[in-house]
Amino acid sequence: MKKAILLLIISFAAVSGFSQIQRKVVKDTSASLAKTKESKKQQLKQLDLTKEQKGKIKEMRKANKDSKDAIMNDETLTDEQKKSKVDSMKRGNARKMQGVLTDEQKQKWKEMRKKKGQ
């Protein structure tokens, strides 16, 4: 009887120990996303954009979000294809945004990007 109880206690301890080991750590991406968005907003403020430029960039961001959502919701694409399409879309969007900026703003943008990369 004592052996059965001891075996039961050891089994319970082993099972609960394994369940703790298998837990996965989930990153809190909402905090990092908020930080990234705030950082981008600060960068745009430093560029001293005109109302016209702000309007164009806002329209571009809306279109970009819609395009990205369409790609991510496309069930015919693999995860790798989705990533590839989103990456190429981001590069194209960066070029479009550069078209909205003046030469001075483009230079300032490049300097900010270099500082961020360091």
C-alpha atoms as a PDB file:
ATOM      1  CA  MET A   1       0.000   0.000   0.000  1.00  0.00           C
ATOM      2  CA  LYS A   2       2.787   2.401   0.922  1.00  0.00           C
ATOM      3  CA  LYS A   3       4.593   1.516  -2.298  1.00  0.00           C
ATOM      4  CA  ALA A   4       1.463   2.234  -4.344  1.00  0.00           C
ATOM      5  CA  ILE A   5       1.007   5.647  -2.730  1.00  0.00           C
ATOM      6  CA  LEU A   6       4.699   6.449  -3.148  1.00  0.00           C
ATOM      7  CA  LEU A   7       4.539   5.375  -6.797  1.00  0.00           C
ATOM      8  CA  LEU A   8       1.444   7.523  -7.321  1.00  0.00           C
ATOM      9  CA  ILE A   9       3.134  10.588  -5.792  1.00  0.00           C
ATOM     10  CA  ILE A  10       6.288  10.093  -7.870  1.00  0.00           C
ATOM     11  CA  SER A  11       4.209   9.645 -11.029  1.00  0.00           C
ATOM     12  CA  PHE A  12       2.248  12.798 -10.317  1.00  0.00           C
ATOM     13  CA  ALA A  13       5.448  14.774  -9.690  1.00  0.00           C
ATOM     14  CA  ALA A  14       7.007  13.484 -12.921  1.00  0.00           C
ATOM     15  CA  VAL A  15       3.946  14.328 -15.023  1.00  0.00           C
ATOM     16  CA  SER A  16       3.649  17.839 -13.607  1.00  0.00           C
ATOM     17  CA  GLY A  17       7.391  18.332 -14.113  1.00  0.00           C
ATOM     18  CA  PHE A  18       7.157  17.402 -17.788  1.00  0.00           C
ATOM     19  CA  SER A  19       4.202  19.689 -18.361  1.00  0.00           C
ATOM     20  CA  GLN A  20       6.214  22.627 -17.060  1.00  0.00           C
ATOM     21  CA  ILE A  21       9.130  21.853 -19.341  1.00  0.00           C
ATOM     22  CA  GLN A  22       6.931  21.831 -22.445  1.00  0.00           C
ATOM     23  CA  ARG A  23       5.572  25.333 -21.961  1.00  0.00           C
ATOM     24  CA  LYS A  24       6.424  27.732 -24.714  1.00  0.00           C
ATOM     25  CA  VAL A  25       7.461  31.310 -24.154  1.00  0.00           C
ATOM     26  CA  VAL A  26       5.162  33.682 -25.992  1.00  0.00           C
ATOM     27  CA  LYS A  27       6.667  37.032 -26.920  1.00  0.00           C
ATOM     28  CA  ASP A  28       4.661  40.134 -26.239  1.00  0.00           C
ATOM     29  CA  THR A  29       4.706  41.553 -29.750  1.00  0.00           C
ATOM     30  CA  SER A  30       2.055  44.159 -29.021  1.00  0.00           C
ATOM     31  CA  ALA A  31       4.514  46.174 -26.922  1.00  0.00           C
ATOM     32  CA  SER A  32       7.250  45.980 -29.546  1.00  0.00           C
ATOM     33  CA  LEU A  33       4.784  46.893 -32.321  1.00  0.00           C
ATOM     34  CA  ALA A  34       3.623  49.934 -30.400  1.00  0.00           C
ATOM     35  CA  LYS A  35       7.246  50.945 -29.860  1.00  0.00           C
ATOM     36  CA  THR A  36       8.018  50.570 -33.578  1.00  0.00           C
ATOM     37  CA  LYS A  37       4.966  52.594 -34.624  1.00  0.00           C
ATOM     38  CA  GLU A  38       5.853  55.343 -32.168  1.00  0.00           C
ATOM     39  CA  SER A  39       9.425  55.368 -33.445  1.00  0.00           C
ATOM     40  CA  LYS A  40       8.230  55.744 -37.040  1.00  0.00           C
ATOM     41  CA  LYS A  41       5.890  58.565 -36.045  1.00  0.00           C
ATOM     42  CA  GLN A  42       8.789  60.373 -34.350  1.00  0.00           C
ATOM     43  CA  GLN A  43      10.947  59.952 -37.449  1.00  0.00           C
ATOM     44  CA  LEU A  44       8.240  61.402 -39.678  1.00  0.00           C
ATOM     45  CA  LYS A  45       7.807  64.356 -37.304  1.00  0.00           C
ATOM     46  CA  GLN A  46      11.522  65.095 -37.583  1.00  0.00           C
ATOM     47  CA  LEU A  47      11.187  65.380 -41.371  1.00  0.00           C
ATOM     48  CA  ASP A  48       8.892  68.419 -41.100  1.00  0.00           C
ATOM     49  CA  LEU A  49       6.408  67.127 -43.663  1.00  0.00           C
ATOM     50  CA  THR A  50       3.919  69.444 -45.333  1.00  0.00           C
ATOM     51  CA  LYS A  51       0.178  68.745 -45.089  1.00  0.00           C
ATOM     52  CA  GLU A  52       0.234  67.513 -48.675  1.00  0.00           C
ATOM     53  CA  GLN A  53       3.096  65.109 -47.934  1.00  0.00           C
ATOM     54  CA  LYS A  54       1.353  63.855 -44.789  1.00  0.00           C
ATOM     55  CA  GLY A  55      -1.805  63.202 -46.798  1.00  0.00           C
ATOM     56  CA  LYS A  56       0.058  61.280 -49.501  1.00  0.00           C
ATOM     57  CA  ILE A  57       1.940  59.196 -46.945  1.00  0.00           C
ATOM     58  CA  LYS A  58      -1.287  58.444 -45.084  1.00  0.00           C
ATOM     59  CA  GLU A  59      -2.907  57.250 -48.331  1.00  0.00           C
ATOM     60  CA  MET A  60       0.149  55.146 -49.147  1.00  0.00           C
ATOM     61  CA  ARG A  61       0.129  53.526 -45.709  1.00  0.00           C
ATOM     62  CA  LYS A  62      -3.573  52.661 -46.046  1.00  0.00           C
ATOM     63  CA  ALA A  63      -2.981  51.105 -49.472  1.00  0.00           C
ATOM     64  CA  ASN A  64       0.070  49.254 -48.145  1.00  0.00           C
ATOM     65  CA  LYS A  65      -1.911  47.830 -45.240  1.00  0.00           C
ATOM     66  CA  ASP A  66      -4.684  46.686 -47.563  1.00  0.00           C
ATOM     67  CA  SER A  67      -2.149  45.042 -49.908  1.00  0.00           C
ATOM     68  CA  LYS A  68      -0.371  43.314 -47.043  1.00  0.00           C
ATOM     69  CA  ASP A  69      -3.658  42.042 -45.619  1.00  0.00           C
ATOM     70  CA  ALA A  70      -4.621  40.659 -49.042  1.00  0.00           C
ATOM     71  CA  ILE A  71      -1.289  38.838 -49.331  1.00  0.00           C
ATOM     72  CA  MET A  72      -1.454  37.432 -45.805  1.00  0.00           C
ATOM     73  CA  ASN A  73      -5.037  36.206 -46.322  1.00  0.00           C
ATOM     74  CA  ASP A  74      -4.256  34.516 -49.664  1.00  0.00           C
ATOM     75  CA  GLU A  75      -4.644  30.808 -48.897  1.00  0.00           C
ATOM     76  CA  THR A  76      -3.013  29.772 -52.188  1.00  0.00           C
ATOM     77  CA  LEU A  77       0.396  31.102 -51.094  1.00  0.00           C
ATOM     78  CA  THR A  78       2.869  29.354 -48.825  1.00  0.00           C
ATOM     79  CA  ASP A  79       4.316  31.203 -45.838  1.00  0.00           C
ATOM     80  CA  GLU A  80       7.578  31.671 -47.741  1.00  0.00           C
ATOM     81  CA  GLN A  81       5.760  33.143 -50.757  1.00  0.00           C
ATOM     82  CA  LYS A  82       3.805  35.493 -48.499  1.00  0.00           C
ATOM     83  CA  LYS A  83       7.016  36.667 -46.837  1.00  0.00           C
ATOM     84  CA  SER A  84       8.680  37.196 -50.213  1.00  0.00           C
ATOM     85  CA  LYS A  85       5.747  39.193 -51.588  1.00  0.00           C
ATOM     86  CA  VAL A  86       5.489  41.351 -48.463  1.00  0.00           C
ATOM     87  CA  ASP A  87       9.245  42.035 -48.535  1.00  0.00           C
ATOM     88  CA  SER A  88       9.174  43.115 -52.179  1.00  0.00           C
ATOM     89  CA  MET A  89       6.083  45.224 -51.481  1.00  0.00           C
ATOM     90  CA  LYS A  90       7.926  46.969 -48.612  1.00  0.00           C
ATOM     91  CA  ARG A  91      10.872  47.801 -50.880  1.00  0.00           C
ATOM     92  CA  GLY A  92       8.524  49.256 -53.480  1.00  0.00           C
ATOM     93  CA  ASN A  93       6.680  51.240 -50.842  1.00  0.00           C
ATOM     94  CA  ALA A  94       9.941  52.692 -49.541  1.00  0.00           C
ATOM     95  CA  ARG A  95      10.769  53.907 -53.068  1.00  0.00           C
ATOM     96  CA  LYS A  96       7.303  55.449 -53.408  1.00  0.00           C
ATOM     97  CA  MET A  97       7.723  57.267 -50.108  1.00  0.00           C
ATOM     98  CA  GLN A  98      11.084  58.609 -51.222  1.00  0.00           C
ATOM     99  CA  GLY A  99       9.238  60.139 -54.183  1.00  0.00           C
ATOM    100  CA  VAL A 100       7.121  62.200 -51.792  1.00  0.00           C
ATOM    101  CA  LEU A 101      10.086  63.650 -49.890  1.00  0.00           C
ATOM    102  CA  THR A 102      12.209  66.638 -50.863  1.00  0.00           C
ATOM    103  CA  ASP A 103      15.966  66.204 -51.325  1.00  0.00           C
ATOM    104  CA  GLU A 104      16.635  67.624 -47.848  1.00  0.00           C
ATOM    105  CA  GLN A 105      14.082  65.291 -46.283  1.00  0.00           C
ATOM    106  CA  LYS A 106      15.557  62.313 -48.147  1.00  0.00           C
ATOM    107  CA  GLN A 107      19.002  63.132 -46.763  1.00  0.00           C
ATOM    108  CA  LYS A 108      17.632  63.525 -43.247  1.00  0.00           C
ATOM    109  CA  TRP A 109      15.760  60.218 -43.615  1.00  0.00           C
ATOM    110  CA  LYS A 110      18.958  58.428 -44.661  1.00  0.00           C
ATOM    111  CA  GLU A 111      20.814  59.851 -41.662  1.00  0.00           C
ATOM    112  CA  MET A 112      18.065  58.708 -39.295  1.00  0.00           C
ATOM    113  CA  ARG A 113      18.129  55.211 -40.824  1.00  0.00           C
ATOM    114  CA  LYS A 114      21.908  55.017 -40.386  1.00  0.00           C
ATOM    115  CA  LYS A 115      21.618  55.999 -36.714  1.00  0.00           C
ATOM    116  CA  LYS A 116      18.899  53.416 -36.198  1.00  0.00           C
ATOM    117  CA  GLY A 117      21.082  50.713 -37.754  1.00  0.00           C
ATOM    118  CA  GLN A 118      24.011  51.390 -35.420  1.00  0.00           C
END
